[in-house]
């Protein structure tokens, strides 16, 4: 770690000196590096230039953790990419518009702040009683792709963590009728941008502890109004109860997503059940060896 004040990125100035925090920081950094390496997130360019990432910053605990850890990896020479932080102000009532620009200026982080009033569009289009999240997310993603192209970025980088990935898996299982979740790496529909989730192996609780210990100015994610009955909230409650009854169950389930066996599922598009053949037939089977007489 960078213990010398002259040898540390501004994002880590004032970091707690406790052993507990150092272990937390090391655990998050190692898990992030593991995901970056495992899923091949650092693109090799034809001309040898450094890829440029648009790192999305909402002001929540997860995106602050993402920004800090990516800068630490970059600072150590372990992440050869250029980073541009981006916040999309969607015009939500009560959004503290000055918090993130002031924070990024203070931390000397290259950034772009974009204002697009998608909130009014969502309120107008979504029927009363329905949740905003799906349409809000699609509109936000479209603007982030546009900004990435304008800034010459090859990837949009999001702060989704392990628990987000698990919750999405169960939402798809319970409500979508499919086995799918947020992948750590994908290509957008247009085929010109990567979407990365470097915190894929990091627990939400670690993000929360890290961001709060660092004193980052966290902006709550309920600015568009509290909406009861969200599917994700229901799934989160189920996972919380499972974790309470059996500590460590979240990590076990997450490992299962990394250990899929298509031959033991039911999707003929993933495994050729119709073409599955026996290796031996009764005619070709080798004759059994004669039984050894029992000793008298």
C-alpha atoms as a PDB file:
ATOM      1  CA  UNK A   1       0.000   0.000   0.000  1.00  0.00           C
ATOM      2  CA  UNK A   2       1.030   3.594  -0.450  1.00  0.00           C
ATOM      3  CA  UNK A   3       1.779   4.712   3.078  1.00  0.00           C
ATOM      4  CA  UNK A   4       3.863   7.729   2.084  1.00  0.00           C
ATOM      5  CA  UNK A   5       1.613  10.777   1.609  1.00  0.00           C
ATOM      6  CA  UNK A   6       3.723  11.816  -1.374  1.00  0.00           C
ATOM      7  CA  UNK A   7       3.216   8.406  -2.966  1.00  0.00           C
ATOM      8  CA  UNK A   8      -0.534   8.021  -2.815  1.00  0.00           C
ATOM      9  CA  UNK A   9      -3.399   8.909  -5.115  1.00  0.00           C
ATOM     10  CA  UNK A  10      -5.653  11.663  -3.690  1.00  0.00           C
ATOM     11  CA  UNK A  11      -8.539   9.164  -3.598  1.00  0.00           C
ATOM     12  CA  UNK A  12      -6.741   7.418  -0.723  1.00  0.00           C
ATOM     13  CA  UNK A  13      -5.626  10.423   1.293  1.00  0.00           C
ATOM     14  CA  UNK A  14      -6.810  10.083   4.862  1.00  0.00           C
ATOM     15  CA  UNK A  15      -7.362   6.329   4.600  1.00  0.00           C
ATOM     16  CA  UNK A  16      -7.735   4.620   7.991  1.00  0.00           C
ATOM     17  CA  UNK A  17      -4.521   3.112   9.326  1.00  0.00           C
ATOM     18  CA  UNK A  18      -6.202   0.173  11.054  1.00  0.00           C
ATOM     19  CA  UNK A  19      -5.224  -3.387  10.214  1.00  0.00           C
ATOM     20  CA  UNK A  20      -8.886  -4.183   9.561  1.00  0.00           C
ATOM     21  CA  UNK A  21      -9.172  -1.493   6.882  1.00  0.00           C
ATOM     22  CA  UNK A  22      -5.884  -2.509   5.240  1.00  0.00           C
ATOM     23  CA  UNK A  23      -7.157  -6.086   4.978  1.00  0.00           C
ATOM     24  CA  UNK A  24     -10.441  -4.837   3.522  1.00  0.00           C
ATOM     25  CA  UNK A  25      -8.660  -2.678   0.969  1.00  0.00           C
ATOM     26  CA  UNK A  26      -6.314  -5.502  -0.013  1.00  0.00           C
ATOM     27  CA  UNK A  27      -9.217  -7.942  -0.379  1.00  0.00           C
ATOM     28  CA  UNK A  28     -11.152  -5.601  -2.693  1.00  0.00           C
ATOM     29  CA  UNK A  29      -8.092  -4.749  -4.795  1.00  0.00           C
ATOM     30  CA  UNK A  30      -7.134  -8.416  -5.201  1.00  0.00           C
ATOM     31  CA  UNK A  31     -10.691  -9.463  -6.113  1.00  0.00           C
ATOM     32  CA  UNK A  32     -10.922  -6.661  -8.687  1.00  0.00           C
ATOM     33  CA  UNK A  33      -7.579  -7.521 -10.238  1.00  0.00           C
ATOM     34  CA  UNK A  34      -8.635 -11.170 -10.388  1.00  0.00           C
ATOM     35  CA  UNK A  35     -11.791 -10.262 -12.320  1.00  0.00           C
ATOM     36  CA  UNK A  36      -9.921  -7.930 -14.691  1.00  0.00           C
ATOM     37  CA  UNK A  37      -7.421 -10.680 -15.491  1.00  0.00           C
ATOM     38  CA  UNK A  38      -9.826 -13.619 -15.516  1.00  0.00           C
ATOM     39  CA  UNK A  39     -12.263 -12.019 -17.958  1.00  0.00           C
ATOM     40  CA  UNK A  40      -9.673 -10.295 -20.132  1.00  0.00           C
ATOM     41  CA  UNK A  41     -10.826  -6.728 -19.562  1.00  0.00           C
ATOM     42  CA  UNK A  42      -7.645  -4.994 -20.712  1.00  0.00           C
ATOM     43  CA  UNK A  43      -7.961  -4.848 -24.479  1.00  0.00           C
ATOM     44  CA  UNK A  44      -4.881  -5.211 -26.627  1.00  0.00           C
ATOM     45  CA  UNK A  45      -5.006  -2.472 -29.249  1.00  0.00           C
ATOM     46  CA  UNK A  46      -3.574  -2.867 -32.756  1.00  0.00           C
ATOM     47  CA  UNK A  47      -1.321   0.193 -32.419  1.00  0.00           C
ATOM     48  CA  UNK A  48      -0.230  -0.548 -28.853  1.00  0.00           C
ATOM     49  CA  UNK A  49      -2.023   2.484 -27.393  1.00  0.00           C
ATOM     50  CA  UNK A  50      -3.690   2.398 -23.986  1.00  0.00           C
ATOM     51  CA  UNK A  51      -7.432   1.680 -23.965  1.00  0.00           C
ATOM     52  CA  UNK A  52      -9.640   4.361 -22.432  1.00  0.00           C
ATOM     53  CA  UNK A  53     -12.411   3.454 -19.992  1.00  0.00           C
ATOM     54  CA  UNK A  54     -15.509   5.485 -19.168  1.00  0.00           C
ATOM     55  CA  UNK A  55     -16.011   4.723 -15.462  1.00  0.00           C
ATOM     56  CA  UNK A  56     -19.579   5.488 -14.449  1.00  0.00           C
ATOM     57  CA  UNK A  57     -19.954   7.289 -11.133  1.00  0.00           C
ATOM     58  CA  UNK A  58     -23.428   7.548  -9.597  1.00  0.00           C
ATOM     59  CA  UNK A  59     -22.318   8.744  -6.182  1.00  0.00           C
ATOM     60  CA  UNK A  60     -23.246   5.478  -4.489  1.00  0.00           C
ATOM     61  CA  UNK A  61     -20.913   3.340  -2.382  1.00  0.00           C
ATOM     62  CA  UNK A  62     -20.264   0.880  -5.210  1.00  0.00           C
ATOM     63  CA  UNK A  63     -19.181   3.391  -7.835  1.00  0.00           C
ATOM     64  CA  UNK A  64     -16.900   5.208  -5.363  1.00  0.00           C
ATOM     65  CA  UNK A  65     -15.263   1.884  -4.512  1.00  0.00           C
ATOM     66  CA  UNK A  66     -14.888   1.065  -8.202  1.00  0.00           C
ATOM     67  CA  UNK A  67     -13.266   4.419  -8.988  1.00  0.00           C
ATOM     68  CA  UNK A  68     -10.824   4.175  -6.087  1.00  0.00           C
ATOM     69  CA  UNK A  69      -9.761   0.582  -6.726  1.00  0.00           C
ATOM     70  CA  UNK A  70      -9.247   1.115 -10.466  1.00  0.00           C
ATOM     71  CA  UNK A  71      -7.053   4.121  -9.692  1.00  0.00           C
ATOM     72  CA  UNK A  72      -5.059   2.068  -7.193  1.00  0.00           C
ATOM     73  CA  UNK A  73      -4.464  -0.655  -9.780  1.00  0.00           C
ATOM     74  CA  UNK A  74      -3.539   1.993 -12.354  1.00  0.00           C
ATOM     75  CA  UNK A  75      -1.246   3.701  -9.825  1.00  0.00           C
ATOM     76  CA  UNK A  76       0.569   0.426  -9.213  1.00  0.00           C
ATOM     77  CA  UNK A  77       1.041  -0.156 -12.952  1.00  0.00           C
ATOM     78  CA  UNK A  78      -1.317  -3.145 -12.920  1.00  0.00           C
ATOM     79  CA  UNK A  79      -4.043  -1.561 -15.052  1.00  0.00           C
ATOM     80  CA  UNK A  80      -2.612  -0.039 -18.261  1.00  0.00           C
ATOM     81  CA  UNK A  81      -5.692   1.986 -19.210  1.00  0.00           C
ATOM     82  CA  UNK A  82      -6.739   5.643 -19.128  1.00  0.00           C
ATOM     83  CA  UNK A  83      -9.699   6.402 -16.866  1.00  0.00           C
ATOM     84  CA  UNK A  84     -12.388   9.023 -17.409  1.00  0.00           C
ATOM     85  CA  UNK A  85     -14.977   9.246 -14.639  1.00  0.00           C
ATOM     86  CA  UNK A  86     -18.472  10.176 -15.761  1.00  0.00           C
ATOM     87  CA  UNK A  87     -21.603  11.148 -13.896  1.00  0.00           C
ATOM     88  CA  UNK A  88     -24.933  11.383 -15.684  1.00  0.00           C
ATOM     89  CA  UNK A  89     -27.224  13.816 -13.873  1.00  0.00           C
ATOM     90  CA  UNK A  90     -30.681  12.567 -14.866  1.00  0.00           C
ATOM     91  CA  UNK A  91     -32.640  15.467 -13.441  1.00  0.00           C
ATOM     92  CA  UNK A  92     -33.972  13.591 -10.420  1.00  0.00           C
ATOM     93  CA  UNK A  93     -35.616  15.861  -7.827  1.00  0.00           C
ATOM     94  CA  UNK A  94     -33.235  16.694  -5.020  1.00  0.00           C
ATOM     95  CA  UNK A  95     -30.113  15.444  -6.760  1.00  0.00           C
ATOM     96  CA  UNK A  96     -27.125  17.319  -5.227  1.00  0.00           C
ATOM     97  CA  UNK A  97     -25.577  18.404  -8.533  1.00  0.00           C
ATOM     98  CA  UNK A  98     -22.438  19.958  -7.016  1.00  0.00           C
ATOM     99  CA  UNK A  99     -21.288  17.007  -4.900  1.00  0.00           C
ATOM    100  CA  UNK A 100     -19.616  14.866  -7.555  1.00  0.00           C
ATOM    101  CA  UNK A 101     -17.976  17.682  -9.583  1.00  0.00           C
ATOM    102  CA  UNK A 102     -16.452  19.111  -6.406  1.00  0.00           C
ATOM    103  CA  UNK A 103     -15.310  15.663  -5.251  1.00  0.00           C
ATOM    104  CA  UNK A 104     -13.696  14.786  -8.600  1.00  0.00           C
ATOM    105  CA  UNK A 105     -11.965  18.171  -8.833  1.00  0.00           C
ATOM    106  CA  UNK A 106     -10.608  17.768  -5.314  1.00  0.00           C
ATOM    107  CA  UNK A 107      -9.382  14.262  -6.076  1.00  0.00           C
ATOM    108  CA  UNK A 108      -7.834  15.384  -9.373  1.00  0.00           C
ATOM    109  CA  UNK A 109      -9.722  12.717 -11.315  1.00  0.00           C
ATOM    110  CA  UNK A 110     -10.344  13.408 -15.033  1.00  0.00           C
ATOM    111  CA  UNK A 111     -14.104  13.498 -15.452  1.00  0.00           C
ATOM    112  CA  UNK A 112     -17.133  14.546 -17.449  1.00  0.00           C
ATOM    113  CA  UNK A 113     -20.473  15.605 -15.954  1.00  0.00           C
ATOM    114  CA  UNK A 114     -23.442  15.243 -18.295  1.00  0.00           C
ATOM    115  CA  UNK A 115     -26.958  16.577 -17.672  1.00  0.00           C
ATOM    116  CA  UNK A 116     -29.881  14.817 -19.360  1.00  0.00           C
ATOM    117  CA  UNK A 117     -33.396  15.088 -17.929  1.00  0.00           C
ATOM    118  CA  UNK A 118     -34.407  11.461 -18.345  1.00  0.00           C
ATOM    119  CA  UNK A 119     -36.392  11.631 -15.102  1.00  0.00           C
ATOM    120  CA  UNK A 120     -39.170  13.655 -16.746  1.00  0.00           C
ATOM    121  CA  UNK A 121     -39.315  11.152 -19.624  1.00  0.00           C
ATOM    122  CA  UNK A 122     -39.622   8.224 -17.216  1.00  0.00           C
ATOM    123  CA  UNK A 123     -42.345   9.885 -15.152  1.00  0.00           C
ATOM    124  CA  UNK A 124     -44.269  10.667 -18.339  1.00  0.00           C
ATOM    125  CA  UNK A 125     -43.964   7.201 -19.886  1.00  0.00           C
ATOM    126  CA  UNK A 126     -44.266   4.823 -16.913  1.00  0.00           C
ATOM    127  CA  UNK A 127     -47.875   4.164 -15.796  1.00  0.00           C
ATOM    128  CA  UNK A 128     -48.758   5.051 -12.211  1.00  0.00           C
ATOM    129  CA  UNK A 129     -47.943   2.250  -9.827  1.00  0.00           C
ATOM    130  CA  UNK A 130     -45.202   0.766 -12.022  1.00  0.00           C
ATOM    131  CA  UNK A 131     -41.512   1.020 -11.135  1.00  0.00           C
ATOM    132  CA  UNK A 132     -39.148   3.374 -12.961  1.00  0.00           C
ATOM    133  CA  UNK A 133     -36.001   1.263 -12.909  1.00  0.00           C
ATOM    134  CA  UNK A 134     -36.203  -0.569 -16.258  1.00  0.00           C
ATOM    135  CA  UNK A 135     -36.855   2.471 -18.462  1.00  0.00           C
ATOM    136  CA  UNK A 136     -34.536   4.688 -16.419  1.00  0.00           C
ATOM    137  CA  UNK A 137     -31.731   2.166 -16.846  1.00  0.00           C
ATOM    138  CA  UNK A 138     -32.222   1.887 -20.630  1.00  0.00           C
ATOM    139  CA  UNK A 139     -32.185   5.653 -21.095  1.00  0.00           C
ATOM    140  CA  UNK A 140     -29.117   6.019 -18.897  1.00  0.00           C
ATOM    141  CA  UNK A 141     -27.262   3.276 -20.746  1.00  0.00           C
ATOM    142  CA  UNK A 142     -27.973   4.909 -24.118  1.00  0.00           C
ATOM    143  CA  UNK A 143     -26.493   8.222 -22.979  1.00  0.00           C
ATOM    144  CA  UNK A 144     -23.439   6.521 -21.470  1.00  0.00           C
ATOM    145  CA  UNK A 145     -22.753   4.710 -24.747  1.00  0.00           C
ATOM    146  CA  UNK A 146     -22.989   8.012 -26.607  1.00  0.00           C
ATOM    147  CA  UNK A 147     -20.615   9.735 -24.172  1.00  0.00           C
ATOM    148  CA  UNK A 148     -18.141   6.845 -24.423  1.00  0.00           C
ATOM    149  CA  UNK A 149     -18.061   7.199 -28.203  1.00  0.00           C
ATOM    150  CA  UNK A 150     -17.639  10.985 -27.995  1.00  0.00           C
ATOM    151  CA  UNK A 151     -14.714  10.583 -25.581  1.00  0.00           C
ATOM    152  CA  UNK A 152     -12.980   7.867 -27.603  1.00  0.00           C
ATOM    153  CA  UNK A 153     -13.521   5.176 -24.953  1.00  0.00           C
ATOM    154  CA  UNK A 154     -13.549   1.481 -25.785  1.00  0.00           C
ATOM    155  CA  UNK A 155     -15.430   0.410 -22.669  1.00  0.00           C
ATOM    156  CA  UNK A 156     -18.174   1.526 -20.291  1.00  0.00           C
ATOM    157  CA  UNK A 157     -17.281   0.387 -16.767  1.00  0.00           C
ATOM    158  CA  UNK A 158     -20.005  -0.190 -14.182  1.00  0.00           C
ATOM    159  CA  UNK A 159     -19.937  -0.687 -10.412  1.00  0.00           C
ATOM    160  CA  UNK A 160     -22.101  -3.814 -10.147  1.00  0.00           C
ATOM    161  CA  UNK A 161     -20.754  -6.184  -7.497  1.00  0.00           C
ATOM    162  CA  UNK A 162     -21.162  -9.864  -6.587  1.00  0.00           C
ATOM    163  CA  UNK A 163     -24.495  -9.352  -4.826  1.00  0.00           C
ATOM    164  CA  UNK A 164     -25.967  -7.435  -7.794  1.00  0.00           C
ATOM    165  CA  UNK A 165     -25.017 -10.359 -10.021  1.00  0.00           C
ATOM    166  CA  UNK A 166     -26.625 -12.893  -7.673  1.00  0.00           C
ATOM    167  CA  UNK A 167     -29.794 -10.834  -7.315  1.00  0.00           C
ATOM    168  CA  UNK A 168     -30.108 -10.514 -11.086  1.00  0.00           C
ATOM    169  CA  UNK A 169     -29.680 -14.277 -11.473  1.00  0.00           C
ATOM    170  CA  UNK A 170     -32.555 -14.975  -9.097  1.00  0.00           C
ATOM    171  CA  UNK A 171     -34.730 -12.248 -10.632  1.00  0.00           C
ATOM    172  CA  UNK A 172     -34.304 -13.946 -14.012  1.00  0.00           C
ATOM    173  CA  UNK A 173     -34.952 -17.340 -12.420  1.00  0.00           C
ATOM    174  CA  UNK A 174     -38.076 -16.305 -10.500  1.00  0.00           C
ATOM    175  CA  UNK A 175     -39.577 -13.773 -12.915  1.00  0.00           C
ATOM    176  CA  UNK A 176     -37.903 -14.212 -16.301  1.00  0.00           C
ATOM    177  CA  UNK A 177     -37.860 -17.967 -16.691  1.00  0.00           C
ATOM    178  CA  UNK A 178     -34.202 -18.111 -17.701  1.00  0.00           C
ATOM    179  CA  UNK A 179     -30.782 -18.798 -16.235  1.00  0.00           C
ATOM    180  CA  UNK A 180     -28.933 -15.526 -16.847  1.00  0.00           C
ATOM    181  CA  UNK A 181     -27.314 -12.686 -14.961  1.00  0.00           C
ATOM    182  CA  UNK A 182     -25.049  -9.657 -15.424  1.00  0.00           C
ATOM    183  CA  UNK A 183     -21.854 -10.908 -17.087  1.00  0.00           C
ATOM    184  CA  UNK A 184     -18.550  -9.332 -16.026  1.00  0.00           C
ATOM    185  CA  UNK A 185     -17.779  -8.574 -19.675  1.00  0.00           C
ATOM    186  CA  UNK A 186     -19.986  -8.156 -22.723  1.00  0.00           C
ATOM    187  CA  UNK A 187     -20.172  -6.273 -26.005  1.00  0.00           C
ATOM    188  CA  UNK A 188     -23.062  -3.864 -26.565  1.00  0.00           C
ATOM    189  CA  UNK A 189     -25.691  -4.538 -29.231  1.00  0.00           C
ATOM    190  CA  UNK A 190     -24.011  -2.168 -31.690  1.00  0.00           C
ATOM    191  CA  UNK A 191     -20.781  -4.120 -31.284  1.00  0.00           C
ATOM    192  CA  UNK A 192     -18.507  -1.114 -30.742  1.00  0.00           C
ATOM    193  CA  UNK A 193     -18.173  -0.958 -26.949  1.00  0.00           C
ATOM    194  CA  UNK A 194     -17.284  -3.321 -24.144  1.00  0.00           C
ATOM    195  CA  UNK A 195     -19.232  -3.234 -20.880  1.00  0.00           C
ATOM    196  CA  UNK A 196     -17.125  -4.261 -17.870  1.00  0.00           C
ATOM    197  CA  UNK A 197     -18.004  -5.026 -14.241  1.00  0.00           C
ATOM    198  CA  UNK A 198     -14.623  -5.239 -12.453  1.00  0.00           C
ATOM    199  CA  UNK A 199     -16.260  -5.579  -9.006  1.00  0.00           C
ATOM    200  CA  UNK A 200     -17.915  -8.853 -10.052  1.00  0.00           C
ATOM    201  CA  UNK A 201     -16.095 -10.786  -7.297  1.00  0.00           C
ATOM    202  CA  UNK A 202     -16.496  -8.124  -4.581  1.00  0.00           C
ATOM    203  CA  UNK A 203     -19.172  -8.386  -1.873  1.00  0.00           C
ATOM    204  CA  UNK A 204     -21.586  -5.488  -1.410  1.00  0.00           C
ATOM    205  CA  UNK A 205     -20.803  -5.353   2.301  1.00  0.00           C
ATOM    206  CA  UNK A 206     -17.119  -4.745   1.497  1.00  0.00           C
ATOM    207  CA  UNK A 207     -18.016  -1.869  -0.846  1.00  0.00           C
ATOM    208  CA  UNK A 208     -20.157  -0.333   1.882  1.00  0.00           C
ATOM    209  CA  UNK A 209     -17.472  -0.634   4.547  1.00  0.00           C
ATOM    210  CA  UNK A 210     -14.789   0.725   2.234  1.00  0.00           C
ATOM    211  CA  UNK A 211     -16.696   3.794   0.972  1.00  0.00           C
ATOM    212  CA  UNK A 212     -17.898   4.740   4.449  1.00  0.00           C
ATOM    213  CA  UNK A 213     -14.464   4.275   6.004  1.00  0.00           C
ATOM    214  CA  UNK A 214     -13.027   6.597   3.346  1.00  0.00           C
ATOM    215  CA  UNK A 215     -15.720   9.189   4.054  1.00  0.00           C
ATOM    216  CA  UNK A 216     -16.763   9.542   0.409  1.00  0.00           C
ATOM    217  CA  UNK A 217     -19.844  11.787  -0.043  1.00  0.00           C
ATOM    218  CA  UNK A 218     -22.412   9.063  -0.734  1.00  0.00           C
ATOM    219  CA  UNK A 219     -25.547  10.095  -2.621  1.00  0.00           C
ATOM    220  CA  UNK A 220     -28.561   7.857  -1.846  1.00  0.00           C
ATOM    221  CA  UNK A 221     -30.121   5.924  -4.715  1.00  0.00           C
ATOM    222  CA  UNK A 222     -33.715   6.738  -3.723  1.00  0.00           C
ATOM    223  CA  UNK A 223     -33.818  10.216  -5.238  1.00  0.00           C
ATOM    224  CA  UNK A 224     -36.612   9.292  -7.661  1.00  0.00           C
ATOM    225  CA  UNK A 225     -38.844   8.408  -4.726  1.00  0.00           C
ATOM    226  CA  UNK A 226     -39.186   5.268  -2.673  1.00  0.00           C
ATOM    227  CA  UNK A 227     -40.993   2.552  -4.626  1.00  0.00           C
ATOM    228  CA  UNK A 228     -42.202  -0.406  -2.614  1.00  0.00           C
ATOM    229  CA  UNK A 229     -42.431  -3.917  -3.985  1.00  0.00           C
ATOM    230  CA  UNK A 230     -39.453  -3.826  -6.325  1.00  0.00           C
ATOM    231  CA  UNK A 231     -38.526  -7.340  -7.460  1.00  0.00           C
ATOM    232  CA  UNK A 232     -34.873  -6.727  -6.645  1.00  0.00           C
ATOM    233  CA  UNK A 233     -35.726  -5.716  -3.086  1.00  0.00           C
ATOM    234  CA  UNK A 234     -37.738  -8.892  -2.619  1.00  0.00           C
ATOM    235  CA  UNK A 235     -34.900 -11.065  -3.939  1.00  0.00           C
ATOM    236  CA  UNK A 236     -32.403  -9.215  -1.757  1.00  0.00           C
ATOM    237  CA  UNK A 237     -34.522  -9.974   1.317  1.00  0.00           C
ATOM    238  CA  UNK A 238     -34.576 -13.672   0.403  1.00  0.00           C
ATOM    239  CA  UNK A 239     -30.784 -13.739  -0.024  1.00  0.00           C
ATOM    240  CA  UNK A 240     -30.308 -11.836   3.245  1.00  0.00           C
ATOM    241  CA  UNK A 241     -32.380 -14.435   5.081  1.00  0.00           C
ATOM    242  CA  UNK A 242     -30.485 -17.320   3.479  1.00  0.00           C
ATOM    243  CA  UNK A 243     -27.177 -15.677   4.420  1.00  0.00           C
ATOM    244  CA  UNK A 244     -28.401 -15.177   7.981  1.00  0.00           C
ATOM    245  CA  UNK A 245     -29.427 -18.831   8.268  1.00  0.00           C
ATOM    246  CA  UNK A 246     -26.261 -20.122   6.596  1.00  0.00           C
ATOM    247  CA  UNK A 247     -23.353 -17.616   6.580  1.00  0.00           C
ATOM    248  CA  UNK A 248     -21.301 -17.840   3.397  1.00  0.00           C
ATOM    249  CA  UNK A 249     -24.167 -19.054   1.230  1.00  0.00           C
ATOM    250  CA  UNK A 250     -23.928 -16.055  -1.106  1.00  0.00           C
ATOM    251  CA  UNK A 251     -20.339 -16.938  -1.979  1.00  0.00           C
ATOM    252  CA  UNK A 252     -21.238 -20.589  -2.530  1.00  0.00           C
ATOM    253  CA  UNK A 253     -24.026 -19.579  -4.932  1.00  0.00           C
ATOM    254  CA  UNK A 254     -21.698 -17.177  -6.707  1.00  0.00           C
ATOM    255  CA  UNK A 255     -19.137 -19.940  -7.225  1.00  0.00           C
ATOM    256  CA  UNK A 256     -21.914 -22.021  -8.776  1.00  0.00           C
ATOM    257  CA  UNK A 257     -22.328 -19.359 -11.489  1.00  0.00           C
ATOM    258  CA  UNK A 258     -18.672 -19.964 -12.360  1.00  0.00           C
ATOM    259  CA  UNK A 259     -19.123 -23.738 -12.479  1.00  0.00           C
ATOM    260  CA  UNK A 260     -21.971 -24.352 -14.936  1.00  0.00           C
ATOM    261  CA  UNK A 261     -22.425 -27.859 -16.386  1.00  0.00           C
ATOM    262  CA  UNK A 262     -24.549 -27.667 -19.564  1.00  0.00           C
ATOM    263  CA  UNK A 263     -24.880 -31.454 -19.718  1.00  0.00           C
ATOM    264  CA  UNK A 264     -26.655 -31.360 -16.337  1.00  0.00           C
ATOM    265  CA  UNK A 265     -29.162 -28.671 -17.285  1.00  0.00           C
ATOM    266  CA  UNK A 266     -32.080 -28.874 -19.735  1.00  0.00           C
ATOM    267  CA  UNK A 267     -31.164 -26.506 -22.568  1.00  0.00           C
ATOM    268  CA  UNK A 268     -30.651 -28.395 -25.868  1.00  0.00           C
ATOM    269  CA  UNK A 269     -29.146 -25.243 -27.310  1.00  0.00           C
ATOM    270  CA  UNK A 270     -26.226 -25.540 -24.896  1.00  0.00           C
ATOM    271  CA  UNK A 271     -25.803 -29.311 -24.977  1.00  0.00           C
ATOM    272  CA  UNK A 272     -26.555 -31.755 -27.801  1.00  0.00           C
ATOM    273  CA  UNK A 273     -28.781 -34.167 -25.930  1.00  0.00           C
ATOM    274  CA  UNK A 274     -30.198 -35.586 -29.189  1.00  0.00           C
ATOM    275  CA  UNK A 275     -26.704 -36.397 -30.432  1.00  0.00           C
ATOM    276  CA  UNK A 276     -25.547 -37.940 -27.170  1.00  0.00           C
ATOM    277  CA  UNK A 277     -24.343 -41.496 -27.873  1.00  0.00           C
ATOM    278  CA  UNK A 278     -23.307 -44.401 -25.746  1.00  0.00           C
ATOM    279  CA  UNK A 279     -19.637 -45.262 -25.935  1.00  0.00           C
ATOM    280  CA  UNK A 280     -20.450 -48.954 -25.865  1.00  0.00           C
ATOM    281  CA  UNK A 281     -23.330 -51.131 -27.080  1.00  0.00           C
ATOM    282  CA  UNK A 282     -24.219 -54.591 -25.753  1.00  0.00           C
ATOM    283  CA  UNK A 283     -22.655 -56.151 -28.887  1.00  0.00           C
ATOM    284  CA  UNK A 284     -19.365 -54.270 -28.541  1.00  0.00           C
ATOM    285  CA  UNK A 285     -19.095 -54.519 -24.809  1.00  0.00           C
ATOM    286  CA  UNK A 286     -16.119 -56.522 -23.608  1.00  0.00           C
ATOM    287  CA  UNK A 287     -17.022 -59.879 -22.006  1.00  0.00           C
ATOM    288  CA  UNK A 288     -16.882 -59.900 -18.289  1.00  0.00           C
ATOM    289  CA  UNK A 289     -13.878 -61.631 -16.751  1.00  0.00           C
ATOM    290  CA  UNK A 290     -14.759 -64.959 -15.131  1.00  0.00           C
ATOM    291  CA  UNK A 291     -15.434 -64.730 -11.463  1.00  0.00           C
ATOM    292  CA  UNK A 292     -12.615 -65.804  -9.155  1.00  0.00           C
ATOM    293  CA  UNK A 293     -13.696 -68.893  -7.229  1.00  0.00           C
ATOM    294  CA  UNK A 294     -14.228 -68.197  -3.588  1.00  0.00           C
ATOM    295  CA  UNK A 295     -11.750 -69.763  -1.182  1.00  0.00           C
ATOM    296  CA  UNK A 296     -13.167 -72.659   0.791  1.00  0.00           C
END
